[in-house]
Amino acid sequence: MPRQLPLRGLGREALRGLGRLGGRPRLRTTAAMCTTMSALAATSLVTAPSVDDEPFSAAPCALTRTDAHHSEGLDTWNAAYPRPTRRLDAVLVFLSFPDSHPLTTPGELAADHFPATSDFFRRASYGKFTLRPHALRQWIRMPRPSTAYAIQRDWTISHRAAYLRDALAVTDAHVDFSRYDVVYFVADPDAPGVDSDATKVVNLDTPLRADGRDIRRFVTVFENHPPDRLVLAHETGHVFDLPDLYNRPVDGKGDWDTHVGDWDLMGSQFALAPDLFGWHKWKLGWLERRQVRCVQDAGPVRLTLEPLAAGPGVPVTGAAGAPSFGLGRGTKLAVVRTGPDSVLAFEARGPVGNDSAACRQGVLVYRVTSGTQSGGGPIEVIDAHPETEACWEDSVYPPLADAPVALGESFTVPGENVRVEVEGRTASGAWTVKITTG
């Protein structure tokens, strides 16, 4: 993709509950190149999402949710997932093994991920969402050696089931599961059988029940110490029904970052500009309806886009060169409907907030399709500078690092009769844009 107290199988019956996996590639190692779609096909599949009856957006450019895993449709919220529009409590449970003595403490591992994970979501949500961690202070011993679970990225169902069954059994006496919205099982990173490439979310078709609560998913953490940057934020994104945005090479060869490059955490936790797309912020409930502009009229439409990462108290450099703190409640996202299940999205990105290390700034254009599965390219960034690349030393995918339409430039989206022109910047740092359709 790619720790604090009072967590998230199984015989043949419960084995039916092991569903799709959420994960991310190891972009800095060759171990990432072993994932195959056959591993995903081997797990049981959820046939259809469960959604609330009340749609949370009636906007004409809001795509309809489909039965695709982690569908990018946002006309309804999938009630099987906690929606991060309030404070959610997460528990971190630390698992040791009889074949290894931990070289780190639970406190050290907790500090690997928090407050960084909570800070990311606080900034991304403009303060609307708080992820509050509760980390156990002690190790809890698993009943079998770490090597007995055959932990690896493409885990077999039987070994994964044994791990979750044992973890749940040994931790139940230490954790009141009814108190938590998110559960992290954190394994001793120095145990001989722990594979750091295996960190992912395990979804359950049939939830497990503990302390009067259905548990539908677990985040299984096998990270090194120190871990990959923002890895837990990426995995937690799956807990909120966000898809993997990286490319999955079928044969394990090729580039993993061709879909979105550096432009969303769900593409890469190593990204230079990992703030979540405006589409995801709308889906999660962090953008209000008035902050999304559905462009429907033929001909030119002029609008002002605030930098996506700008929120209360976040300084943005405006046209006059002085920092401004006045942005945060204006238009963040412009959307053009291009088909029954597809849109083009436009948002202003630059070195602000979670995107402070962004390689280039301007108006980013991307395509969203609601019927595409997680990992299949449900969002694709459209490169306004296809002949060039940038920041090759640091970018996860330099060809898309300079994708935004820069100040004074215009760009016609290939294959669509849609043109965007970036006409200027305001004194407060917003971008003035003209979008022409038809």
Protein backbone atom coordinates (compact mmCIF):
# COMPACT_ATOMS: atom_id res chain seq x y z
CA MET A 1 0.00 0.00 0.00
CA PRO A 2 2.75 0.52 0.59
CA ARG A 3 0.41 1.51 18.17
CA GLN A 4 -2.37 1.84 22.13
CA LEU A 5 -5.39 -0.62 24.57
CA PRO A 6 -8.70 -2.58 25.22
CA LEU A 7 -8.29 -5.11 18.20
CA ARG A 8 -9.70 -7.11 14.15
CA GLY A 9 -10.22 -18.21 11.11
CA LEU A 10 -11.42 -20.92 11.88
CA GLY A 11 -12.72 -24.36 11.11
CA ARG A 12 -14.37 -25.35 7.87
CA GLU A 13 -17.52 -23.43 8.86
CA ALA A 14 -15.71 -20.18 9.57
CA LEU A 15 -13.38 -20.70 6.63
CA ARG A 16 -16.22 -19.58 4.37
CA GLY A 17 -15.84 -16.19 5.98
CA LEU A 18 -12.35 -15.55 4.65
CA GLY A 19 -12.94 -13.07 1.87
CA ARG A 20 -10.99 -10.70 -0.34
CA LEU A 21 -7.67 -9.28 0.67
CA GLY A 22 -6.69 -5.67 0.75
CA GLY A 23 -2.99 -4.94 0.51
CA ARG A 24 -0.33 -3.00 -1.29
CA PRO A 25 2.84 -3.72 -3.25
CA ARG A 26 6.28 -3.55 -1.75
CA LEU A 27 7.51 -0.82 -4.01
CA ARG A 28 11.08 -0.93 -2.70
CA THR A 29 11.58 -4.70 -2.86
CA THR A 30 11.31 -7.46 -5.42
CA ALA A 31 9.10 -9.46 -3.06
CA ALA A 32 6.13 -7.43 -4.25
CA MET A 33 6.27 -9.04 -7.64
CA CYS A 34 4.81 -12.33 -6.47
CA THR A 35 1.13 -11.42 -6.20
CA THR A 36 -1.20 -13.14 -8.65
CA MET A 37 -4.90 -12.82 -9.21
CA SER A 38 -5.25 -16.56 -8.65
CA ALA A 39 -4.57 -15.98 -4.96
CA LEU A 40 -7.50 -13.61 -4.84
CA ALA A 41 -9.72 -15.97 -6.77
CA ALA A 42 -9.00 -18.69 -4.25
CA THR A 43 -10.80 -16.78 -1.51
CA SER A 44 -14.54 -16.60 -1.17
CA LEU A 45 -16.22 -13.59 -2.69
CA VAL A 46 -18.88 -11.27 -1.37
CA THR A 47 -21.67 -11.41 -3.92
CA ALA A 48 -23.02 -7.90 -3.38
CA PRO A 49 -22.44 -4.94 -1.11
CA SER A 50 -24.78 -4.11 1.71
CA VAL A 51 -25.83 -0.50 1.52
CA ASP A 52 -27.93 1.89 3.47
CA ASP A 53 -31.28 2.69 1.93
CA GLU A 54 -30.76 6.45 2.19
CA PRO A 55 -28.37 7.80 -0.48
CA PHE A 56 -25.94 10.33 0.93
CA SER A 57 -25.58 12.21 -2.35
CA ALA A 58 -28.14 12.97 -5.02
CA ALA A 59 -25.68 14.86 -7.21
CA PRO A 60 -26.04 14.14 -10.94
CA CYS A 61 -22.34 13.31 -11.20
CA ALA A 62 -22.35 10.82 -8.30
CA LEU A 63 -21.70 7.37 -9.74
CA THR A 64 -23.94 4.51 -8.63
CA ARG A 65 -22.35 1.89 -6.40
CA THR A 66 -21.90 -1.48 -8.12
CA ASP A 67 -21.08 -4.96 -6.80
CA ALA A 68 -17.41 -4.48 -7.73
CA HIS A 69 -15.17 -5.00 -4.70
CA HIS A 70 -14.59 -1.54 -3.14
CA SER A 71 -16.68 0.07 -5.88
CA GLU A 72 -15.97 3.75 -6.50
CA GLY A 73 -19.69 4.43 -6.77
CA LEU A 74 -20.73 6.81 -4.01
CA ASP A 75 -24.47 7.32 -4.27
CA THR A 76 -24.82 5.07 -1.18
CA TRP A 77 -22.54 4.04 1.66
CA ASN A 78 -21.70 0.35 2.10
CA ALA A 79 -22.98 -0.37 5.61
CA ALA A 80 -20.57 -3.30 6.00
CA TYR A 81 -17.78 -0.74 6.55
CA PRO A 82 -17.41 1.89 9.29
CA ARG A 83 -17.74 5.36 7.81
CA PRO A 84 -15.00 7.69 9.05
CA THR A 85 -17.10 10.77 9.72
CA ARG A 86 -16.76 10.57 13.49
CA ARG A 87 -14.26 9.39 16.02
CA LEU A 88 -13.40 5.71 15.57
CA ASP A 89 -11.45 3.66 18.09
CA ALA A 90 -8.76 1.23 16.96
CA VAL A 91 -7.01 -1.40 19.05
CA LEU A 92 -3.50 -2.70 18.42
CA VAL A 93 -2.79 -6.19 19.75
CA PHE A 94 0.80 -7.44 19.71
CA LEU A 95 1.41 -11.12 19.00
CA SER A 96 4.62 -12.97 19.86
CA PHE A 97 5.55 -16.58 19.12
CA PRO A 98 7.21 -19.40 21.07
CA ASP A 99 10.08 -19.63 18.54
CA SER A 100 11.27 -16.04 19.06
CA HIS A 101 11.87 -13.51 21.82
CA PRO A 102 10.74 -10.02 20.72
CA LEU A 103 13.53 -7.51 20.24
CA THR A 104 11.13 -4.56 20.31
CA THR A 105 8.45 -3.46 22.73
CA PRO A 106 4.76 -2.91 21.97
CA GLY A 107 5.32 0.77 22.71
CA GLU A 108 8.03 1.00 20.04
CA LEU A 109 5.82 -0.68 17.46
CA ALA A 110 2.88 1.52 18.38
CA ALA A 111 5.07 4.58 17.81
CA ASP A 112 5.96 3.24 14.35
CA HIS A 113 2.38 3.89 13.24
CA PHE A 114 0.87 6.45 15.60
CA PRO A 115 0.39 9.37 15.66
CA ALA A 116 1.44 9.33 11.96
CA THR A 117 -1.62 7.35 10.86
CA SER A 118 -4.07 9.45 12.86
CA ASP A 119 -2.39 12.67 11.71
CA PHE A 120 -2.74 11.64 8.06
CA PHE A 121 -6.48 11.07 8.40
CA ARG A 122 -7.00 14.21 10.46
CA ARG A 123 -5.43 16.32 7.72
CA ALA A 124 -7.11 14.43 4.88
CA SER A 125 -10.55 14.80 6.48
CA TYR A 126 -10.13 18.49 7.38
CA GLY A 127 -10.49 17.48 11.01
CA LYS A 128 -13.82 15.69 10.47
CA PHE A 129 -12.44 12.25 11.36
CA THR A 130 -10.36 11.12 14.32
CA LEU A 131 -8.77 7.66 14.47
CA ARG A 132 -7.99 7.07 18.13
CA PRO A 133 -5.49 4.25 18.80
CA HIS A 134 -5.49 2.01 21.87
CA ALA A 135 -2.41 -0.20 22.11
CA LEU A 136 -1.94 -3.14 24.43
CA ARG A 137 1.18 -2.75 26.54
CA GLN A 138 2.19 -6.39 26.54
CA TRP A 139 2.94 -9.14 24.08
CA ILE A 140 0.39 -11.95 23.83
CA ARG A 141 1.90 -15.34 23.00
CA MET A 142 0.52 -17.32 20.08
CA PRO A 143 0.23 -21.08 20.71
CA ARG A 144 2.37 -22.18 17.76
CA PRO A 145 5.75 -21.15 16.30
CA SER A 146 5.66 -18.36 13.73
CA THR A 147 6.90 -20.75 11.07
CA ALA A 148 3.85 -22.97 11.56
CA TYR A 149 1.58 -20.36 9.96
CA ALA A 150 3.47 -20.12 6.64
CA ILE A 151 2.97 -16.34 6.60
CA GLN A 152 3.50 -14.82 3.16
CA ARG A 153 1.88 -12.36 0.78
CA ASP A 154 -0.18 -15.02 -1.01
CA TRP A 155 -1.22 -16.88 2.11
CA THR A 156 -3.16 -20.11 1.80
CA ILE A 157 -6.66 -20.03 3.24
CA SER A 158 -5.88 -22.81 5.72
CA HIS A 159 -2.78 -21.11 7.15
CA ARG A 160 -4.47 -17.71 7.29
CA ALA A 161 -7.46 -19.30 9.01
CA ALA A 162 -5.24 -20.97 11.59
CA TYR A 163 -3.48 -17.68 12.33
CA LEU A 164 -6.71 -15.74 12.83
CA ARG A 165 -8.30 -18.52 14.87
CA ASP A 166 -5.33 -18.69 17.22
CA ALA A 167 -4.96 -14.90 17.45
CA LEU A 168 -8.61 -14.46 18.34
CA ALA A 169 -8.47 -17.26 20.92
CA VAL A 170 -5.42 -15.95 22.79
CA THR A 171 -6.47 -12.30 22.75
CA ASP A 172 -10.13 -12.63 23.67
CA ALA A 173 -9.40 -12.60 27.40
CA HIS A 174 -7.35 -9.39 27.04
CA VAL A 175 -9.58 -7.35 24.74
CA ASP A 176 -13.17 -6.18 24.88
CA PHE A 177 -13.88 -6.25 21.15
CA SER A 178 -17.17 -4.43 21.58
CA ARG A 179 -15.28 -1.20 22.28
CA TYR A 180 -13.45 -0.96 18.97
CA ASP A 181 -14.23 -0.10 15.36
CA VAL A 182 -10.87 -1.15 13.85
CA VAL A 183 -8.69 -4.13 14.86
CA TYR A 184 -4.96 -4.47 14.17
CA PHE A 185 -3.15 -7.76 14.88
CA VAL A 186 0.55 -6.77 15.02
CA ALA A 187 3.05 -9.63 14.82
CA ASP A 188 6.55 -9.65 16.28
CA PRO A 189 8.58 -8.37 13.30
CA ASP A 190 11.67 -10.39 14.28
CA ALA A 191 9.98 -13.79 14.48
CA PRO A 192 11.53 -16.12 11.87
CA GLY A 193 8.24 -16.97 10.16
CA VAL A 194 6.99 -13.39 9.78
CA ASP A 195 7.04 -12.03 6.22
CA SER A 196 6.86 -8.23 6.10
CA ASP A 197 5.28 -8.45 2.65
CA ALA A 198 2.16 -10.11 4.07
CA THR A 199 0.58 -7.04 5.75
CA LYS A 200 -3.00 -6.71 4.51
CA VAL A 201 -6.67 -6.58 5.42
CA VAL A 202 -8.61 -9.83 5.66
CA ASN A 203 -12.34 -9.38 4.98
CA LEU A 204 -14.87 -11.91 6.22
CA ASP A 205 -17.96 -12.83 4.22
CA THR A 206 -19.49 -14.20 7.42
CA PRO A 207 -18.42 -12.06 10.37
CA LEU A 208 -16.92 -13.55 13.52
CA ARG A 209 -18.58 -12.64 16.79
CA ALA A 210 -16.87 -11.62 19.99
CA ASP A 211 -18.11 -9.67 23.00
CA GLY A 212 -21.50 -9.23 21.36
CA ARG A 213 -20.04 -7.63 18.23
CA ASP A 214 -19.68 -8.83 14.64
CA ILE A 215 -16.09 -8.49 13.41
CA ARG A 216 -16.00 -8.31 9.63
CA ARG A 217 -12.34 -7.60 9.00
CA PHE A 218 -8.89 -7.72 10.56
CA VAL A 219 -5.76 -5.75 9.68
CA THR A 220 -2.92 -8.27 9.93
CA VAL A 221 0.34 -6.35 10.40
CA PHE A 222 3.70 -8.01 9.73
CA GLU A 223 5.79 -4.88 9.24
CA ASN A 224 9.49 -4.50 9.88
CA HIS A 225 10.67 -2.08 12.56
CA PRO A 226 10.75 0.64 11.34
CA PRO A 227 7.89 -0.06 8.89
CA ASP A 228 7.06 1.17 5.42
CA ARG A 229 5.96 4.80 5.37
CA LEU A 230 2.20 5.28 5.91
CA VAL A 231 1.58 1.56 5.50
CA LEU A 232 -1.04 1.42 8.22
CA ALA A 233 -2.87 4.42 6.75
CA HIS A 234 -3.09 2.56 3.43
CA GLU A 235 -4.43 -0.60 5.05
CA THR A 236 -6.87 1.40 7.15
CA GLY A 237 -8.17 2.92 3.92
CA HIS A 238 -9.41 -0.57 2.98
CA VAL A 239 -11.27 -0.73 6.29
CA PHE A 240 -13.20 2.31 5.00
CA ASP A 241 -14.01 0.64 1.65
CA LEU A 242 -11.28 2.29 -0.42
CA PRO A 243 -9.77 0.19 -3.25
CA ASP A 244 -6.20 -0.52 -4.20
CA LEU A 245 -5.28 1.89 -6.98
CA TYR A 246 -1.99 0.37 -8.04
CA ASN A 247 -1.61 -1.84 -11.10
CA ARG A 248 -1.34 -5.59 -10.54
CA PRO A 249 0.93 -7.10 -13.21
CA VAL A 250 -0.53 -10.52 -13.97
CA ASP A 251 2.88 -12.18 -14.28
CA GLY A 252 4.41 -10.24 -11.39
CA LYS A 253 6.55 -8.23 -13.79
CA GLY A 254 6.14 -4.60 -14.76
CA ASP A 255 5.43 -1.34 -12.98
CA TRP A 256 2.89 -1.25 -10.15
CA ASP A 257 2.26 2.50 -10.28
CA THR A 258 0.99 3.17 -13.78
CA HIS A 259 -2.61 3.97 -12.75
CA VAL A 260 -2.18 6.87 -10.33
CA GLY A 261 1.53 7.30 -9.62
CA ASP A 262 2.16 9.52 -6.60
CA TRP A 263 -1.34 10.97 -6.36
CA ASP A 264 -3.19 8.89 -3.73
CA LEU A 265 -2.22 6.83 -0.70
CA MET A 266 -4.23 3.88 -2.02
CA GLY A 267 -1.86 3.79 -4.98
CA SER A 268 1.32 3.91 -2.93
CA GLN A 269 2.20 4.65 0.68
CA PHE A 270 5.56 5.89 -0.63
CA ALA A 271 3.87 8.56 -2.77
CA LEU A 272 5.15 12.13 -2.82
CA ALA A 273 1.55 13.43 -2.78
CA PRO A 274 -0.39 10.76 -0.86
CA ASP A 275 -3.45 12.80 0.10
CA LEU A 276 -6.62 10.97 -0.91
CA PHE A 277 -8.29 11.97 -4.16
CA GLY A 278 -11.17 14.41 -3.87
CA TRP A 279 -13.42 11.60 -5.12
CA HIS A 280 -12.42 9.50 -2.12
CA LYS A 281 -12.96 12.42 0.24
CA TRP A 282 -16.45 12.83 -1.19
CA LYS A 283 -17.09 9.11 -0.83
CA LEU A 284 -15.94 9.10 2.78
CA GLY A 285 -18.11 12.09 3.69
CA TRP A 286 -15.35 14.67 4.12
CA LEU A 287 -16.49 16.92 1.27
CA GLU A 288 -19.85 18.58 1.52
CA ARG A 289 -22.15 18.56 -1.48
CA ARG A 290 -21.55 22.27 -2.10
CA GLN A 291 -17.81 21.61 -2.37
CA VAL A 292 -18.37 19.41 -5.44
CA ARG A 293 -19.23 21.05 -8.76
CA CYS A 294 -21.01 18.87 -11.31
CA VAL A 295 -20.19 20.37 -14.71
CA GLN A 296 -23.14 19.58 -16.94
CA ASP A 297 -23.60 22.49 -19.33
CA ALA A 298 -22.10 22.42 -22.80
CA GLY A 299 -19.63 25.20 -23.44
CA PRO A 300 -17.19 26.81 -21.01
CA VAL A 301 -17.78 26.78 -17.26
CA ARG A 302 -15.52 28.88 -15.06
CA LEU A 303 -14.91 27.93 -11.45
CA THR A 304 -12.42 28.36 -8.65
CA LEU A 305 -10.82 25.25 -7.16
CA GLU A 306 -9.29 25.37 -3.71
CA PRO A 307 -6.19 23.22 -3.21
CA LEU A 308 -7.50 19.81 -2.21
CA ALA A 309 -5.31 19.55 0.89
CA ALA A 310 -6.14 23.04 2.15
CA GLY A 311 -8.21 23.09 5.29
CA PRO A 312 -8.66 25.15 8.42
CA GLY A 313 -5.30 26.43 9.61
CA VAL A 314 -3.37 25.03 6.63
CA PRO A 315 -1.27 27.74 4.94
CA VAL A 316 -1.42 28.02 1.15
CA THR A 317 0.78 30.32 -0.91
CA GLY A 318 -1.36 32.53 -3.12
CA ALA A 319 -0.70 34.55 -6.26
CA ALA A 320 0.85 37.35 -4.22
CA GLY A 321 3.37 34.94 -2.69
CA ALA A 322 2.15 35.39 0.86
CA PRO A 323 0.67 32.48 2.85
CA SER A 324 -3.09 32.45 3.31
CA PHE A 325 -5.09 30.57 5.94
CA GLY A 326 -8.53 31.42 4.58
CA LEU A 327 -9.16 28.37 2.39
CA GLY A 328 -11.00 25.21 3.31
CA ARG A 329 -14.74 25.42 2.59
CA GLY A 330 -14.89 26.31 -1.11
CA THR A 331 -15.08 24.06 -4.19
CA LYS A 332 -12.59 21.19 -3.98
CA LEU A 333 -13.72 18.91 -6.79
CA ALA A 334 -15.17 19.39 -10.28
CA VAL A 335 -16.77 16.41 -12.03
CA VAL A 336 -17.85 15.77 -15.63
CA ARG A 337 -20.05 12.75 -16.30
CA THR A 338 -18.70 10.75 -19.26
CA GLY A 339 -20.90 7.63 -19.11
CA PRO A 340 -23.25 5.57 -16.93
CA ASP A 341 -20.38 4.38 -14.75
CA SER A 342 -17.60 6.86 -15.46
CA VAL A 343 -16.62 10.47 -14.76
CA LEU A 344 -13.69 12.80 -15.18
CA ALA A 345 -12.58 14.53 -11.99
CA PHE A 346 -10.60 17.76 -11.63
CA GLU A 347 -8.86 18.95 -8.45
CA ALA A 348 -6.05 21.32 -7.50
CA ARG A 349 -2.97 19.62 -6.07
CA GLY A 350 0.24 21.12 -4.75
CA PRO A 351 2.72 21.13 -1.84
CA VAL A 352 0.14 21.55 0.94
CA GLY A 353 -0.77 19.39 3.96
CA ASN A 354 -0.39 15.66 3.21
CA ASP A 355 0.92 16.65 -0.23
CA SER A 356 3.78 18.77 1.14
CA ALA A 357 6.36 16.83 -0.93
CA ALA A 358 4.36 17.01 -4.19
CA CYS A 359 6.61 17.07 -7.24
CA ARG A 360 4.46 19.44 -9.32
CA GLN A 361 1.34 21.53 -8.75
CA GLY A 362 -1.70 22.35 -10.85
CA VAL A 363 -5.04 20.84 -11.74
CA LEU A 364 -4.97 17.06 -11.70
CA VAL A 365 -7.33 15.20 -14.06
CA TYR A 366 -8.36 11.60 -13.50
CA ARG A 367 -10.99 9.13 -14.65
CA VAL A 368 -13.19 7.19 -12.19
CA THR A 369 -15.18 4.07 -13.08
CA SER A 370 -17.58 2.54 -10.56
CA GLY A 371 -17.68 -0.96 -12.07
CA THR A 372 -13.94 -1.67 -11.86
CA GLN A 373 -12.66 -3.90 -9.07
CA SER A 374 -10.06 -2.90 -6.50
CA GLY A 375 -6.64 -3.42 -8.10
CA GLY A 376 -8.05 -3.22 -11.63
CA GLY A 377 -7.66 0.51 -12.15
CA PRO A 378 -10.90 2.08 -10.83
CA ILE A 379 -9.11 5.45 -10.93
CA GLU A 380 -6.59 6.43 -13.59
CA VAL A 381 -4.67 9.70 -13.61
CA ILE A 382 -4.60 11.35 -17.04
CA ASP A 383 -1.18 12.77 -17.85
CA ALA A 384 -1.29 16.35 -19.15
CA HIS A 385 2.42 16.03 -20.06
CA PRO A 386 2.75 12.56 -21.58
CA GLU A 387 6.09 13.29 -23.23
CA THR A 388 7.90 14.21 -20.01
CA GLU A 389 8.51 12.97 -16.49
CA ALA A 390 9.70 14.52 -13.24
CA CYS A 391 11.31 13.85 -9.87
CA TRP A 392 12.77 10.56 -10.99
CA GLU A 393 14.90 10.34 -7.83
CA ASP A 394 11.91 10.28 -5.50
CA SER A 395 8.70 9.63 -7.44
CA VAL A 396 7.17 6.17 -7.42
CA TYR A 397 6.32 6.70 -11.11
CA PRO A 398 8.06 9.71 -12.73
CA PRO A 399 5.93 9.66 -15.93
CA LEU A 400 2.91 10.77 -13.84
CA ALA A 401 4.76 13.01 -11.40
CA ASP A 402 4.16 16.01 -13.68
CA ALA A 403 0.60 15.01 -14.63
CA PRO A 404 -1.23 18.17 -13.41
CA VAL A 405 -2.21 20.94 -15.81
CA ALA A 406 -0.01 23.85 -14.75
CA LEU A 407 -0.81 27.55 -14.50
CA GLY A 408 -1.39 29.04 -17.94
CA GLU A 409 -1.76 25.67 -19.64
CA SER A 410 -4.73 24.05 -21.36
CA PHE A 411 -5.34 20.36 -21.90
CA THR A 412 -7.87 18.34 -23.90
CA VAL A 413 -8.60 14.95 -22.36
CA PRO A 414 -7.78 12.22 -24.91
CA GLY A 415 -10.88 10.39 -26.12
CA GLU A 416 -13.24 12.90 -24.51
CA ASN A 417 -14.63 16.19 -25.77
CA VAL A 418 -13.50 17.89 -22.55
CA ARG A 419 -10.95 20.66 -22.24
CA VAL A 420 -9.53 22.28 -19.10
CA GLU A 421 -7.66 25.59 -18.94
CA VAL A 422 -5.87 26.82 -15.82
CA GLU A 423 -6.29 30.55 -16.09
CA GLY A 424 -4.85 31.89 -12.86
CA ARG A 425 -4.36 31.90 -9.09
CA THR A 426 -6.17 33.99 -6.55
CA ALA A 427 -4.48 35.94 -3.78
CA SER A 428 -5.59 33.25 -1.34
CA GLY A 429 -4.04 30.43 -3.38
CA ALA A 430 -7.08 29.00 -5.18
CA TRP A 431 -6.93 28.08 -8.87
CA THR A 432 -9.21 29.65 -11.49
CA VAL A 433 -10.19 27.08 -14.08
CA LYS A 434 -12.27 26.89 -17.24
CA ILE A 435 -13.78 23.54 -18.25
CA THR A 436 -15.34 23.18 -21.68
CA THR A 437 -17.49 20.20 -22.63
CA GLY A 438 -19.48 19.37 -25.75
